[in-house]
């Protein structure tokens, strides 16, 4: 029988491989002071975002209130103009009516005295 040819590379029995050092470095962890500083910075950032959004809402509230006051002023002007239109139409209708044409013109004869 022929000898079998092994195509697989055999692993070395030791833990030493090419490109690896034999010493293991300890993992670096953040200290308690660093963690505290990071938490404070995140809290500060979220607080600033919250304040900025609150300021936007307040500015929108001011814009809405100014628009509402402008709307109320314009509706009051509209009502005043409607009354003026009705008055002018009634005066014009009274001048052109047949009843007013049949009336005699009035003159002031005098004022009452005591």
PDB file of N, CA and C in Angstrom:
ATOM      1  N   UNK A   1       0.823  -1.168   0.000  1.00  0.00           N
ATOM      2  CA  UNK A   1       0.000   0.000   0.000  1.00  0.00           C
ATOM      3  C   UNK A   1       0.864   1.226   0.000  1.00  0.00           C
ATOM      4  N   UNK A   2       0.287   2.181  -0.634  1.00  0.00           N
ATOM      5  CA  UNK A   2       1.024   3.423  -0.697  1.00  0.00           C
ATOM      6  C   UNK A   2       0.762   4.238   0.554  1.00  0.00           C
ATOM      7  N   UNK A   3       1.699   5.127   0.812  1.00  0.00           N
ATOM      8  CA  UNK A   3       1.512   6.028   1.950  1.00  0.00           C
ATOM      9  C   UNK A   3       0.494   7.104   1.585  1.00  0.00           C
ATOM     10  N   UNK A   4      -0.316   7.461   2.534  1.00  0.00           N
ATOM     11  CA  UNK A   4      -1.337   8.500   2.302  1.00  0.00           C
ATOM     12  C   UNK A   4      -0.687   9.867   2.427  1.00  0.00           C
ATOM     13  N   UNK A   5      -1.045  10.733   1.499  1.00  0.00           N
ATOM     14  CA  UNK A   5      -0.536  12.097   1.527  1.00  0.00           C
ATOM     15  C   UNK A   5      -1.498  12.959   2.337  1.00  0.00           C
ATOM     16  N   UNK A   6      -1.009  13.646   3.334  1.00  0.00           N
ATOM     17  CA  UNK A   6      -1.846  14.466   4.199  1.00  0.00           C
ATOM     18  C   UNK A   6      -1.851  15.874   3.619  1.00  0.00           C
ATOM     19  N   UNK A   7      -3.070  16.334   3.241  1.00  0.00           N
ATOM     20  CA  UNK A   7      -3.161  17.658   2.650  1.00  0.00           C
ATOM     21  C   UNK A   7      -3.397  18.736   3.700  1.00  0.00           C
ATOM     22  N   UNK A   8      -3.842  18.366   4.836  1.00  0.00           N
ATOM     23  CA  UNK A   8      -4.082  19.331   5.898  1.00  0.00           C
ATOM     24  C   UNK A   8      -2.800  19.666   6.610  1.00  0.00           C
ATOM     25  N   UNK A   9      -2.700  20.952   6.907  1.00  0.00           N
ATOM     26  CA  UNK A   9      -1.545  21.366   7.681  1.00  0.00           C
ATOM     27  C   UNK A   9      -1.773  21.009   9.124  1.00  0.00           C
ATOM     28  N   UNK A  10      -0.845  20.500   9.726  1.00  0.00           N
ATOM     29  CA  UNK A  10      -1.000  20.145  11.132  1.00  0.00           C
ATOM     30  C   UNK A  10      -0.708  21.373  11.981  1.00  0.00           C
ATOM     31  N   UNK A  11      -1.528  21.569  12.979  1.00  0.00           N
ATOM     32  CA  UNK A  11      -1.358  22.684  13.898  1.00  0.00           C
ATOM     33  C   UNK A  11      -0.239  22.365  14.870  1.00  0.00           C
ATOM     34  N   UNK A  12       0.520  23.402  15.194  1.00  0.00           N
ATOM     35  CA  UNK A  12       1.548  23.130  16.203  1.00  0.00           C
ATOM     36  C   UNK A  12       0.904  22.849  17.548  1.00  0.00           C
ATOM     37  N   UNK A  13       1.555  22.097  18.312  1.00  0.00           N
ATOM     38  CA  UNK A  13       1.003  21.697  19.602  1.00  0.00           C
ATOM     39  C   UNK A  13       1.037  22.842  20.613  1.00  0.00           C
ATOM     40  N   UNK A  14       1.885  23.814  20.415  1.00  0.00           N
ATOM     41  CA  UNK A  14       1.947  24.920  21.364  1.00  0.00           C
ATOM     42  C   UNK A  14       1.009  26.049  20.910  1.00  0.00           C
ATOM     43  N   UNK A  15       0.812  27.020  21.762  1.00  0.00           N
ATOM     44  CA  UNK A  15      -0.069  28.144  21.461  1.00  0.00           C
ATOM     45  C   UNK A  15       0.649  29.247  20.697  1.00  0.00           C
ATOM     46  N   UNK A  16       1.853  29.044  20.302  1.00  0.00           N
ATOM     47  CA  UNK A  16       2.606  30.058  19.570  1.00  0.00           C
ATOM     48  C   UNK A  16       2.283  29.945  18.094  1.00  0.00           C
ATOM     49  N   UNK A  17       1.835  31.048  17.527  1.00  0.00           N
ATOM     50  CA  UNK A  17       1.584  31.073  16.093  1.00  0.00           C
ATOM     51  C   UNK A  17       2.292  32.277  15.515  1.00  0.00           C
ATOM     52  N   UNK A  18       2.343  32.341  14.237  1.00  0.00           N
ATOM     53  CA  UNK A  18       3.056  33.403  13.551  1.00  0.00           C
ATOM     54  C   UNK A  18       2.341  34.738  13.754  1.00  0.00           C
ATOM     55  N   UNK A  19       3.033  35.782  14.154  1.00  0.00           N
ATOM     56  CA  UNK A  19       2.501  37.120  14.299  1.00  0.00           C
ATOM     57  C   UNK A  19       1.839  37.399  15.626  1.00  0.00           C
ATOM     58  N   UNK A  20       1.866  36.490  16.528  1.00  0.00           N
ATOM     59  CA  UNK A  20       1.271  36.722  17.850  1.00  0.00           C
ATOM     60  C   UNK A  20       2.366  36.745  18.898  1.00  0.00           C
ATOM     61  N   UNK A  21       2.155  37.639  19.850  1.00  0.00           N
ATOM     62  CA  UNK A  21       3.138  37.679  20.928  1.00  0.00           C
ATOM     63  C   UNK A  21       2.768  36.672  21.989  1.00  0.00           C
ATOM     64  N   UNK A  22       3.688  36.391  22.810  1.00  0.00           N
ATOM     65  CA  UNK A  22       3.452  35.388  23.851  1.00  0.00           C
ATOM     66  C   UNK A  22       2.852  35.983  25.105  1.00  0.00           C
ATOM     67  N   UNK A  23       2.812  37.314  25.193  1.00  0.00           N
ATOM     68  CA  UNK A  23       2.247  37.935  26.394  1.00  0.00           C
ATOM     69  C   UNK A  23       0.881  38.514  26.065  1.00  0.00           C
ATOM     70  N   UNK A  24       0.016  38.459  27.000  1.00  0.00           N
ATOM     71  CA  UNK A  24      -1.321  39.029  26.820  1.00  0.00           C
ATOM     72  C   UNK A  24      -1.383  40.330  27.592  1.00  0.00           C
ATOM     73  N   UNK A  25      -1.866  41.384  26.898  1.00  0.00           N
ATOM     74  CA  UNK A  25      -2.019  42.667  27.554  1.00  0.00           C
ATOM     75  C   UNK A  25      -3.377  42.734  28.218  1.00  0.00           C
ATOM     76  N   UNK A  26      -3.475  43.383  29.361  1.00  0.00           N
ATOM     77  CA  UNK A  26      -4.787  43.471  30.024  1.00  0.00           C
ATOM     78  C   UNK A  26      -5.709  44.403  29.231  1.00  0.00           C
ATOM     79  N   UNK A  27      -6.992  44.115  29.260  1.00  0.00           N
ATOM     80  CA  UNK A  27      -7.966  44.971  28.581  1.00  0.00           C
ATOM     81  C   UNK A  27      -8.056  46.296  29.320  1.00  0.00           C
ATOM     82  N   UNK A  28      -8.188  47.356  28.521  1.00  0.00           N
ATOM     83  CA  UNK A  28      -8.307  48.678  29.137  1.00  0.00           C
ATOM     84  C   UNK A  28      -9.780  48.991  29.370  1.00  0.00           C
ATOM     85  N   UNK A  29     -10.113  49.320  30.561  1.00  0.00           N
ATOM     86  CA  UNK A  29     -11.466  49.715  30.923  1.00  0.00           C
ATOM     87  C   UNK A  29     -11.458  51.172  31.362  1.00  0.00           C
ATOM     88  N   UNK A  30     -12.614  51.811  31.205  1.00  0.00           N
ATOM     89  CA  UNK A  30     -12.735  53.179  31.671  1.00  0.00           C
ATOM     90  C   UNK A  30     -12.832  53.183  33.194  1.00  0.00           C
ATOM     91  N   UNK A  31     -12.226  54.165  33.777  1.00  0.00           N
ATOM     92  CA  UNK A  31     -12.286  54.298  35.222  1.00  0.00           C
ATOM     93  C   UNK A  31     -13.589  54.936  35.664  1.00  0.00           C
ATOM     94  N   UNK A  32     -13.802  54.986  36.951  1.00  0.00           N
ATOM     95  CA  UNK A  32     -15.053  55.522  37.469  1.00  0.00           C
ATOM     96  C   UNK A  32     -15.166  57.020  37.198  1.00  0.00           C
ATOM     97  N   UNK A  33     -14.054  57.736  37.219  1.00  0.00           N
ATOM     98  CA  UNK A  33     -14.085  59.179  36.954  1.00  0.00           C
ATOM     99  C   UNK A  33     -14.448  59.429  35.491  1.00  0.00           C
ATOM    100  N   UNK A  34     -13.862  58.652  34.582  1.00  0.00           N
ATOM    101  CA  UNK A  34     -14.168  58.808  33.157  1.00  0.00           C
ATOM    102  C   UNK A  34     -15.636  58.495  32.885  1.00  0.00           C
ATOM    103  N   UNK A  35     -16.149  57.454  33.506  1.00  0.00           N
ATOM    104  CA  UNK A  35     -17.559  57.115  33.321  1.00  0.00           C
ATOM    105  C   UNK A  35     -18.457  58.219  33.843  1.00  0.00           C
ATOM    106  N   UNK A  36     -18.107  58.808  34.979  1.00  0.00           N
ATOM    107  CA  UNK A  36     -18.894  59.900  35.544  1.00  0.00           C
ATOM    108  C   UNK A  36     -18.883  61.110  34.622  1.00  0.00           C
ATOM    109  N   UNK A  37     -17.728  61.435  34.069  1.00  0.00           N
ATOM    110  CA  UNK A  37     -17.629  62.568  33.155  1.00  0.00           C
ATOM    111  C   UNK A  37     -18.460  62.326  31.899  1.00  0.00           C
ATOM    112  N   UNK A  38     -18.430  61.118  31.362  1.00  0.00           N
ATOM    113  CA  UNK A  38     -19.216  60.794  30.166  1.00  0.00           C
ATOM    114  C   UNK A  38     -20.707  60.907  30.455  1.00  0.00           C
ATOM    115  N   UNK A  39     -21.151  60.409  31.589  1.00  0.00           N
ATOM    116  CA  UNK A  39     -22.574  60.507  31.948  1.00  0.00           C
ATOM    117  C   UNK A  39     -22.979  61.968  32.110  1.00  0.00           C
ATOM    118  N   UNK A  40     -22.124  62.772  32.737  1.00  0.00           N
ATOM    119  CA  UNK A  40     -22.437  64.202  32.898  1.00  0.00           C
ATOM    120  C   UNK A  40     -22.519  64.901  31.548  1.00  0.00           C
ATOM    121  N   UNK A  41     -21.609  64.602  30.641  1.00  0.00           N
ATOM    122  CA  UNK A  41     -21.617  65.215  29.315  1.00  0.00           C
ATOM    123  C   UNK A  41     -22.880  64.820  28.535  1.00  0.00           C
ATOM    124  N   UNK A  42     -23.270  63.552  28.610  1.00  0.00           N
ATOM    125  CA  UNK A  42     -24.498  63.112  27.925  1.00  0.00           C
ATOM    126  C   UNK A  42     -25.720  63.798  28.506  1.00  0.00           C
ATOM    127  N   UNK A  43     -25.755  63.929  29.831  1.00  0.00           N
ATOM    128  CA  UNK A  43     -26.872  64.627  30.470  1.00  0.00           C
ATOM    129  C   UNK A  43     -26.925  66.085  30.033  1.00  0.00           C
ATOM    130  N   UNK A  44     -25.774  66.732  29.953  1.00  0.00           N
ATOM    131  CA  UNK A  44     -25.712  68.119  29.512  1.00  0.00           C
ATOM    132  C   UNK A  44     -26.191  68.262  28.064  1.00  0.00           C
ATOM    133  N   UNK A  45     -25.767  67.357  27.212  1.00  0.00           N
ATOM    134  CA  UNK A  45     -26.179  67.416  25.799  1.00  0.00           C
ATOM    135  C   UNK A  45     -27.682  67.232  25.672  1.00  0.00           C
ATOM    136  N   UNK A  46     -28.240  66.231  26.351  1.00  0.00           N
ATOM    137  CA  UNK A  46     -29.686  66.017  26.280  1.00  0.00           C
ATOM    138  C   UNK A  46     -30.457  67.185  26.887  1.00  0.00           C
ATOM    139  N   UNK A  47     -29.914  67.796  27.933  1.00  0.00           N
ATOM    140  CA  UNK A  47     -30.556  68.972  28.527  1.00  0.00           C
ATOM    141  C   UNK A  47     -30.583  70.140  27.563  1.00  0.00           C
ATOM    142  N   UNK A  48     -29.473  70.364  26.854  1.00  0.00           N
ATOM    143  CA  UNK A  48     -29.439  71.445  25.867  1.00  0.00           C
ATOM    144  C   UNK A  48     -30.415  71.194  24.720  1.00  0.00           C
ATOM    145  N   UNK A  49     -30.528  69.963  24.293  1.00  0.00           N
ATOM    146  CA  UNK A  49     -31.499  69.633  23.238  1.00  0.00           C
ATOM    147  C   UNK A  49     -32.917  69.899  23.729  1.00  0.00           C
ATOM    148  N   UNK A  50     -33.209  69.527  24.971  1.00  0.00           N
ATOM    149  CA  UNK A  50     -34.537  69.742  25.544  1.00  0.00           C
ATOM    150  C   UNK A  50     -34.863  71.236  25.617  1.00  0.00           C
ATOM    151  N   UNK A  51     -33.899  72.033  26.071  1.00  0.00           N
ATOM    152  CA  UNK A  51     -34.124  73.479  26.190  1.00  0.00           C
ATOM    153  C   UNK A  51     -34.321  74.099  24.801  1.00  0.00           C
ATOM    154  N   UNK A  52     -33.542  73.647  23.824  1.00  0.00           N
ATOM    155  CA  UNK A  52     -33.676  74.185  22.464  1.00  0.00           C
ATOM    156  C   UNK A  52     -35.057  73.876  21.893  1.00  0.00           C
ATOM    157  N   UNK A  53     -35.561  72.688  22.123  1.00  0.00           N
ATOM    158  CA  UNK A  53     -36.893  72.335  21.623  1.00  0.00           C
ATOM    159  C   UNK A  53     -37.969  73.130  22.355  1.00  0.00           C
ATOM    160  N   UNK A  54     -37.794  73.361  23.638  1.00  0.00           N
ATOM    161  CA  UNK A  54     -38.755  74.167  24.401  1.00  0.00           C
ATOM    162  C   UNK A  54     -38.782  75.598  23.919  1.00  0.00           C
ATOM    163  N   UNK A  55     -37.621  76.126  23.553  1.00  0.00           N
ATOM    164  CA  UNK A  55     -37.549  77.485  23.037  1.00  0.00           C
ATOM    165  C   UNK A  55     -38.259  77.594  21.700  1.00  0.00           C
ATOM    166  N   UNK A  56     -38.123  76.577  20.857  1.00  0.00           N
ATOM    167  CA  UNK A  56     -38.822  76.575  19.572  1.00  0.00           C
ATOM    168  C   UNK A  56     -40.336  76.596  19.793  1.00  0.00           C
ATOM    169  N   UNK A  57     -40.808  75.799  20.739  1.00  0.00           N
ATOM    170  CA  UNK A  57     -42.246  75.757  21.012  1.00  0.00           C
ATOM    171  C   UNK A  57     -42.740  77.110  21.509  1.00  0.00           C
ATOM    172  N   UNK A  58     -41.947  77.781  22.337  1.00  0.00           N
ATOM    173  CA  UNK A  58     -42.341  79.095  22.841  1.00  0.00           C
ATOM    174  C   UNK A  58     -42.391  80.118  21.718  1.00  0.00           C
ATOM    175  N   UNK A  59     -41.436  80.074  20.813  1.00  0.00           N
ATOM    176  CA  UNK A  59     -41.447  81.029  19.699  1.00  0.00           C
ATOM    177  C   UNK A  59     -42.646  80.769  18.790  1.00  0.00           C
ATOM    178  N   UNK A  60     -43.015  79.505  18.606  1.00  0.00           N
ATOM    179  CA  UNK A  60     -44.219  79.204  17.823  1.00  0.00           C
ATOM    180  C   UNK A  60     -45.462  79.738  18.521  1.00  0.00           C
ATOM    181  N   UNK A  61     -45.483  79.677  19.864  1.00  0.00           N
ATOM    182  CA  UNK A  61     -46.622  80.184  20.626  1.00  0.00           C
ATOM    183  C   UNK A  61     -46.766  81.690  20.444  1.00  0.00           C
ATOM    184  N   UNK A  62     -45.643  82.416  20.439  1.00  0.00           N
ATOM    185  CA  UNK A  62     -45.690  83.858  20.213  1.00  0.00           C
ATOM    186  C   UNK A  62     -46.188  84.184  18.808  1.00  0.00           C
ATOM    187  N   UNK A  63     -45.742  83.426  17.822  1.00  0.00           N
ATOM    188  CA  UNK A  63     -46.197  83.651  16.448  1.00  0.00           C
ATOM    189  C   UNK A  63     -47.699  83.401  16.333  1.00  0.00           C
ATOM    190  N   UNK A  64     -48.173  82.336  16.963  1.00  0.00           N
ATOM    191  CA  UNK A  64     -49.597  81.996  16.894  1.00  0.00           C
ATOM    192  C   UNK A  64     -50.427  83.078  17.571  1.00  0.00           C
ATOM    193  N   UNK A  65     -49.973  83.566  18.730  1.00  0.00           N
ATOM    194  CA  UNK A  65     -50.752  84.594  19.430  1.00  0.00           C
ATOM    195  C   UNK A  65     -50.788  85.898  18.630  1.00  0.00           C
ATOM    196  N   UNK A  66     -49.692  86.256  17.969  1.00  0.00           N
ATOM    197  CA  UNK A  66     -49.709  87.475  17.151  1.00  0.00           C
ATOM    198  C   UNK A  66     -50.635  87.311  15.951  1.00  0.00           C
ATOM    199  N   UNK A  67     -50.643  86.123  15.347  1.00  0.00           N
ATOM    200  CA  UNK A  67     -51.553  85.884  14.221  1.00  0.00           C
ATOM    201  C   UNK A  67     -53.013  85.892  14.674  1.00  0.00           C
ATOM    202  N   UNK A  68     -53.282  85.346  15.857  1.00  0.00           N
ATOM    203  CA  UNK A  68     -54.650  85.345  16.364  1.00  0.00           C
ATOM    204  C   UNK A  68     -55.124  86.766  16.659  1.00  0.00           C
ATOM    205  N   UNK A  69     -54.256  87.616  17.208  1.00  0.00           N
ATOM    206  CA  UNK A  69     -54.658  88.999  17.463  1.00  0.00           C
ATOM    207  C   UNK A  69     -54.891  89.745  16.151  1.00  0.00           C
ATOM    208  N   UNK A  70     -54.079  89.461  15.145  1.00  0.00           N
ATOM    209  CA  UNK A  70     -54.280  90.087  13.833  1.00  0.00           C
ATOM    210  C   UNK A  70     -55.610  89.640  13.212  1.00  0.00           C
ATOM    211  N   UNK A  71     -55.943  88.374  13.379  1.00  0.00           N
ATOM    212  CA  UNK A  71     -57.211  87.853  12.861  1.00  0.00           C
ATOM    213  C   UNK A  71     -58.388  88.524  13.568  1.00  0.00           C
ATOM    214  N   UNK A  72     -58.296  88.691  14.890  1.00  0.00           N
ATOM    215  CA  UNK A  72     -59.406  89.316  15.620  1.00  0.00           C
ATOM    216  C   UNK A  72     -59.569  90.786  15.221  1.00  0.00           C
ATOM    217  N   UNK A  73     -58.444  91.496  14.992  1.00  0.00           N
ATOM    218  CA  UNK A  73     -58.535  92.890  14.540  1.00  0.00           C
ATOM    219  C   UNK A  73     -59.192  92.977  13.165  1.00  0.00           C
ATOM    220  N   UNK A  74     -58.819  92.081  12.275  1.00  0.00           N
ATOM    221  CA  UNK A  74     -59.385  92.109  10.922  1.00  0.00           C
ATOM    222  C   UNK A  74     -60.864  91.737  10.919  1.00  0.00           C
ATOM    223  N   UNK A  75     -61.259  90.812  11.780  1.00  0.00           N
ATOM    224  CA  UNK A  75     -62.679  90.462  11.831  1.00  0.00           C
ATOM    225  C   UNK A  75     -63.498  91.625  12.411  1.00  0.00           C
ATOM    226  N   UNK A  76     -62.924  92.387  13.364  1.00  0.00           N
ATOM    227  CA  UNK A  76     -63.620  93.560  13.888  1.00  0.00           C
ATOM    228  C   UNK A  76     -63.765  94.633  12.805  1.00  0.00           C
ATOM    229  N   UNK A  77     -62.700  94.820  12.002  1.00  0.00           N
ATOM    230  CA  UNK A  77     -62.785  95.762  10.885  1.00  0.00           C
ATOM    231  C   UNK A  77     -63.825  95.314   9.865  1.00  0.00           C
ATOM    232  N   UNK A  78     -63.910  94.012   9.637  1.00  0.00           N
ATOM    233  CA  UNK A  78     -64.887  93.473   8.696  1.00  0.00           C
ATOM    234  C   UNK A  78     -66.302  93.766   9.185  1.00  0.00           C
ATOM    235  N   UNK A  79     -66.542  93.573  10.476  1.00  0.00           N
ATOM    236  CA  UNK A  79     -67.863  93.854  11.038  1.00  0.00           C
ATOM    237  C   UNK A  79     -68.205  95.341  10.921  1.00  0.00           C
ATOM    238  N   UNK A  80     -67.221  96.208  11.193  1.00  0.00           N
ATOM    239  CA  UNK A  80     -67.449  97.653  11.064  1.00  0.00           C
ATOM    240  C   UNK A  80     -67.770  98.031   9.621  1.00  0.00           C
ATOM    241  N   UNK A  81     -67.055  97.424   8.677  1.00  0.00           N
ATOM    242  CA  UNK A  81     -67.306  97.718   7.264  1.00  0.00           C
ATOM    243  C   UNK A  81     -68.678  97.197   6.810  1.00  0.00           C
ATOM    244  N   UNK A  82     -69.110  96.076   7.368  1.00  0.00           N
ATOM    245  CA  UNK A  82     -70.431  95.554   7.020  1.00  0.00           C
ATOM    246  C   UNK A  82     -71.524  96.505   7.515  1.00  0.00           C
ATOM    247  N   UNK A  83     -71.356  97.069   8.726  1.00  0.00           N
ATOM    248  CA  UNK A  83     -72.326  98.028   9.260  1.00  0.00           C
ATOM    249  C   UNK A  83     -72.335  99.294   8.398  1.00  0.00           C
ATOM    250  N   UNK A  84     -71.160  99.778   8.012  1.00  0.00           N
ATOM    251  CA  UNK A  84     -71.066 100.983   7.169  1.00  0.00           C
ATOM    252  C   UNK A  84     -71.717 100.752   5.809  1.00  0.00           C
ATOM    253  N   UNK A  85     -71.515  99.575   5.251  1.00  0.00           N
ATOM    254  CA  UNK A  85     -72.126  99.243   3.958  1.00  0.00           C
ATOM    255  C   UNK A  85     -73.645  99.236   4.075  1.00  0.00           C
ATOM    256  N   UNK A  86     -74.144  98.624   5.144  1.00  0.00           N
ATOM    257  CA  UNK A  86     -75.593  98.586   5.334  1.00  0.00           C
ATOM    258  C   UNK A  86     -76.161  99.993   5.514  1.00  0.00           C
ATOM    259  N   UNK A  87     -75.466 100.866   6.233  1.00  0.00           N
ATOM    260  CA  UNK A  87     -75.927 102.239   6.431  1.00  0.00           C
ATOM    261  C   UNK A  87     -75.970 102.992   5.109  1.00  0.00           C
ATOM    262  N   UNK A  88     -74.901 102.879   4.325  1.00  0.00           N
ATOM    263  CA  UNK A  88     -74.863 103.581   3.040  1.00  0.00           C
ATOM    264  C   UNK A  88     -75.921 103.047   2.072  1.00  0.00           C
ATOM    265  N   UNK A  89     -76.137 101.745   2.099  1.00  0.00           N
ATOM    266  CA  UNK A  89     -77.178 101.178   1.230  1.00  0.00           C
ATOM    267  C   UNK A  89     -78.565 101.654   1.652  1.00  0.00           C
ATOM    268  N   UNK A  90     -78.787 101.780   2.958  1.00  0.00           N
ATOM    269  CA  UNK A  90     -80.106 102.220   3.411  1.00  0.00           C
ATOM    270  C   UNK A  90     -80.342 103.695   3.075  1.00  0.00           C
ATOM    271  N   UNK A  91     -79.307 104.537   3.171  1.00  0.00           N
ATOM    272  CA  UNK A  91     -79.447 105.946   2.815  1.00  0.00           C
ATOM    273  C   UNK A  91     -79.730 106.075   1.315  1.00  0.00           C
ATOM    274  N   UNK A  92     -79.006 105.329   0.504  1.00  0.00           N
ATOM    275  CA  UNK A  92     -79.212 105.375  -0.950  1.00  0.00           C
ATOM    276  C   UNK A  92     -80.586 104.844  -1.318  1.00  0.00           C
ATOM    277  N   UNK A  93     -81.036 103.805  -0.640  1.00  0.00           N
ATOM    278  CA  UNK A  93     -82.354 103.243  -0.940  1.00  0.00           C
ATOM    279  C   UNK A  93     -83.439 104.220  -0.516  1.00  0.00           C
ATOM    280  N   UNK A  94     -83.230 104.951   0.594  1.00  0.00           N
ATOM    281  CA  UNK A  94     -84.232 105.918   1.052  1.00  0.00           C
ATOM    282  C   UNK A  94     -84.334 107.100   0.093  1.00  0.00           C
ATOM    283  N   UNK A  95     -83.243 107.546  -0.469  1.00  0.00           N
ATOM    284  CA  UNK A  95     -83.277 108.667  -1.405  1.00  0.00           C
ATOM    285  C   UNK A  95     -83.966 108.286  -2.704  1.00  0.00           C
ATOM    286  N   UNK A  96     -83.797 107.050  -3.119  1.00  0.00           N
ATOM    287  CA  UNK A  96     -84.362 106.628  -4.405  1.00  0.00           C
ATOM    288  C   UNK A  96     -85.767 106.033  -4.287  1.00  0.00           C
ATOM    289  N   UNK A  97     -86.321 105.959  -3.104  1.00  0.00           N
ATOM    290  CA  UNK A  97     -87.626 105.328  -2.951  1.00  0.00           C
ATOM    291  C   UNK A  97     -88.746 106.295  -3.358  1.00  0.00           C
ATOM    292  N   UNK A  98     -89.874 105.771  -3.742  1.00  0.00           N
ATOM    293  CA  UNK A  98     -91.030 106.575  -4.151  1.00  0.00           C
ATOM    294  C   UNK A  98     -91.684 107.242  -2.949  1.00  0.00           C
ATOM    295  N   UNK A  99     -91.597 106.625  -1.796  1.00  0.00           N
ATOM    296  CA  UNK A  99     -92.177 107.203  -0.591  1.00  0.00           C
ATOM    297  C   UNK A  99     -91.417 108.469  -0.224  1.00  0.00           C
ATOM    298  N   UNK A 100     -90.094 108.453  -0.312  1.00  0.00           N
ATOM    299  CA  UNK A 100     -89.292 109.619   0.027  1.00  0.00           C
ATOM    300  C   UNK A 100     -89.491 110.722  -1.000  1.00  0.00           C
ATOM    301  N   UNK A 101     -89.727 110.366  -2.229  1.00  0.00           N
ATOM    302  CA  UNK A 101     -89.946 111.385  -3.263  1.00  0.00           C
ATOM    303  C   UNK A 101     -91.276 112.096  -3.058  1.00  0.00           C
ATOM    304  N   UNK A 102     -92.258 111.414  -2.482  1.00  0.00           N
ATOM    305  CA  UNK A 102     -93.571 112.001  -2.264  1.00  0.00           C
ATOM    306  C   UNK A 102     -93.610 112.885  -1.019  1.00  0.00           C
ATOM    307  N   UNK A 103     -92.617 112.843  -0.181  1.00  0.00           N
ATOM    308  CA  UNK A 103     -92.603 113.639   1.047  1.00  0.00           C
ATOM    309  C   UNK A 103     -92.190 115.071   0.753  1.00  0.00           C
ATOM    310  N   UNK A 104     -92.655 115.957   1.606  1.00  0.00           N
ATOM    311  CA  UNK A 104     -92.272 117.356   1.484  1.00  0.00           C
ATOM    312  C   UNK A 104     -90.944 117.575   2.180  1.00  0.00           C
ATOM    313  N   UNK A 105     -90.167 118.539   1.705  1.00  0.00           N
ATOM    314  CA  UNK A 105     -88.898 118.824   2.341  1.00  0.00           C
ATOM    315  C   UNK A 105     -89.164 119.602   3.620  1.00  0.00           C
ATOM    316  N   UNK A 106     -88.336 119.407   4.599  1.00  0.00           N
ATOM    317  CA  UNK A 106     -88.539 120.065   5.907  1.00  0.00           C
ATOM    318  C   UNK A 106     -87.570 121.225   6.047  1.00  0.00           C
ATOM    319  N   UNK A 107     -88.035 122.203   6.789  1.00  0.00           N
ATOM    320  CA  UNK A 107     -87.163 123.331   7.107  1.00  0.00           C
ATOM    321  C   UNK A 107     -87.272 123.596   8.594  1.00  0.00           C
ATOM    322  N   UNK A 108     -86.200 124.084   9.153  1.00  0.00           N
ATOM    323  CA  UNK A 108     -86.168 124.397  10.565  1.00  0.00           C
ATOM    324  C   UNK A 108     -86.815 125.776  10.746  1.00  0.00           C
ATOM    325  N   UNK A 109     -87.871 125.829  11.543  1.00  0.00           N
ATOM    326  CA  UNK A 109     -88.575 127.090  11.752  1.00  0.00           C
ATOM    327  C   UNK A 109     -88.071 127.827  12.980  1.00  0.00           C
ATOM    328  N   UNK A 110     -87.484 127.137  13.868  1.00  0.00           N
ATOM    329  CA  UNK A 110     -86.980 127.791  15.074  1.00  0.00           C
ATOM    330  C   UNK A 110     -86.649 126.771  16.140  1.00  0.00           C
ATOM    331  N   UNK A 111     -86.059 127.240  17.195  1.00  0.00           N
ATOM    332  CA  UNK A 111     -85.665 126.368  18.292  1.00  0.00           C
ATOM    333  C   UNK A 111     -86.480 126.730  19.516  1.00  0.00           C
ATOM    334  N   UNK A 112     -86.705 125.763  20.341  1.00  0.00           N
ATOM    335  CA  UNK A 112     -87.469 126.002  21.567  1.00  0.00           C
ATOM    336  C   UNK A 112     -86.623 126.760  22.557  1.00  0.00           C
ATOM    337  N   UNK A 113     -87.225 127.709  23.224  1.00  0.00           N
ATOM    338  CA  UNK A 113     -86.526 128.477  24.242  1.00  0.00           C
ATOM    339  C   UNK A 113     -87.319 128.361  25.552  1.00  0.00           C
ATOM    340  N   UNK A 114     -86.653 128.583  26.621  1.00  0.00           N
ATOM    341  CA  UNK A 114     -87.331 128.468  27.897  1.00  0.00           C
ATOM    342  C   UNK A 114     -87.760 129.776  28.423  1.00  0.00           C
TER     343      UNK A 114
END
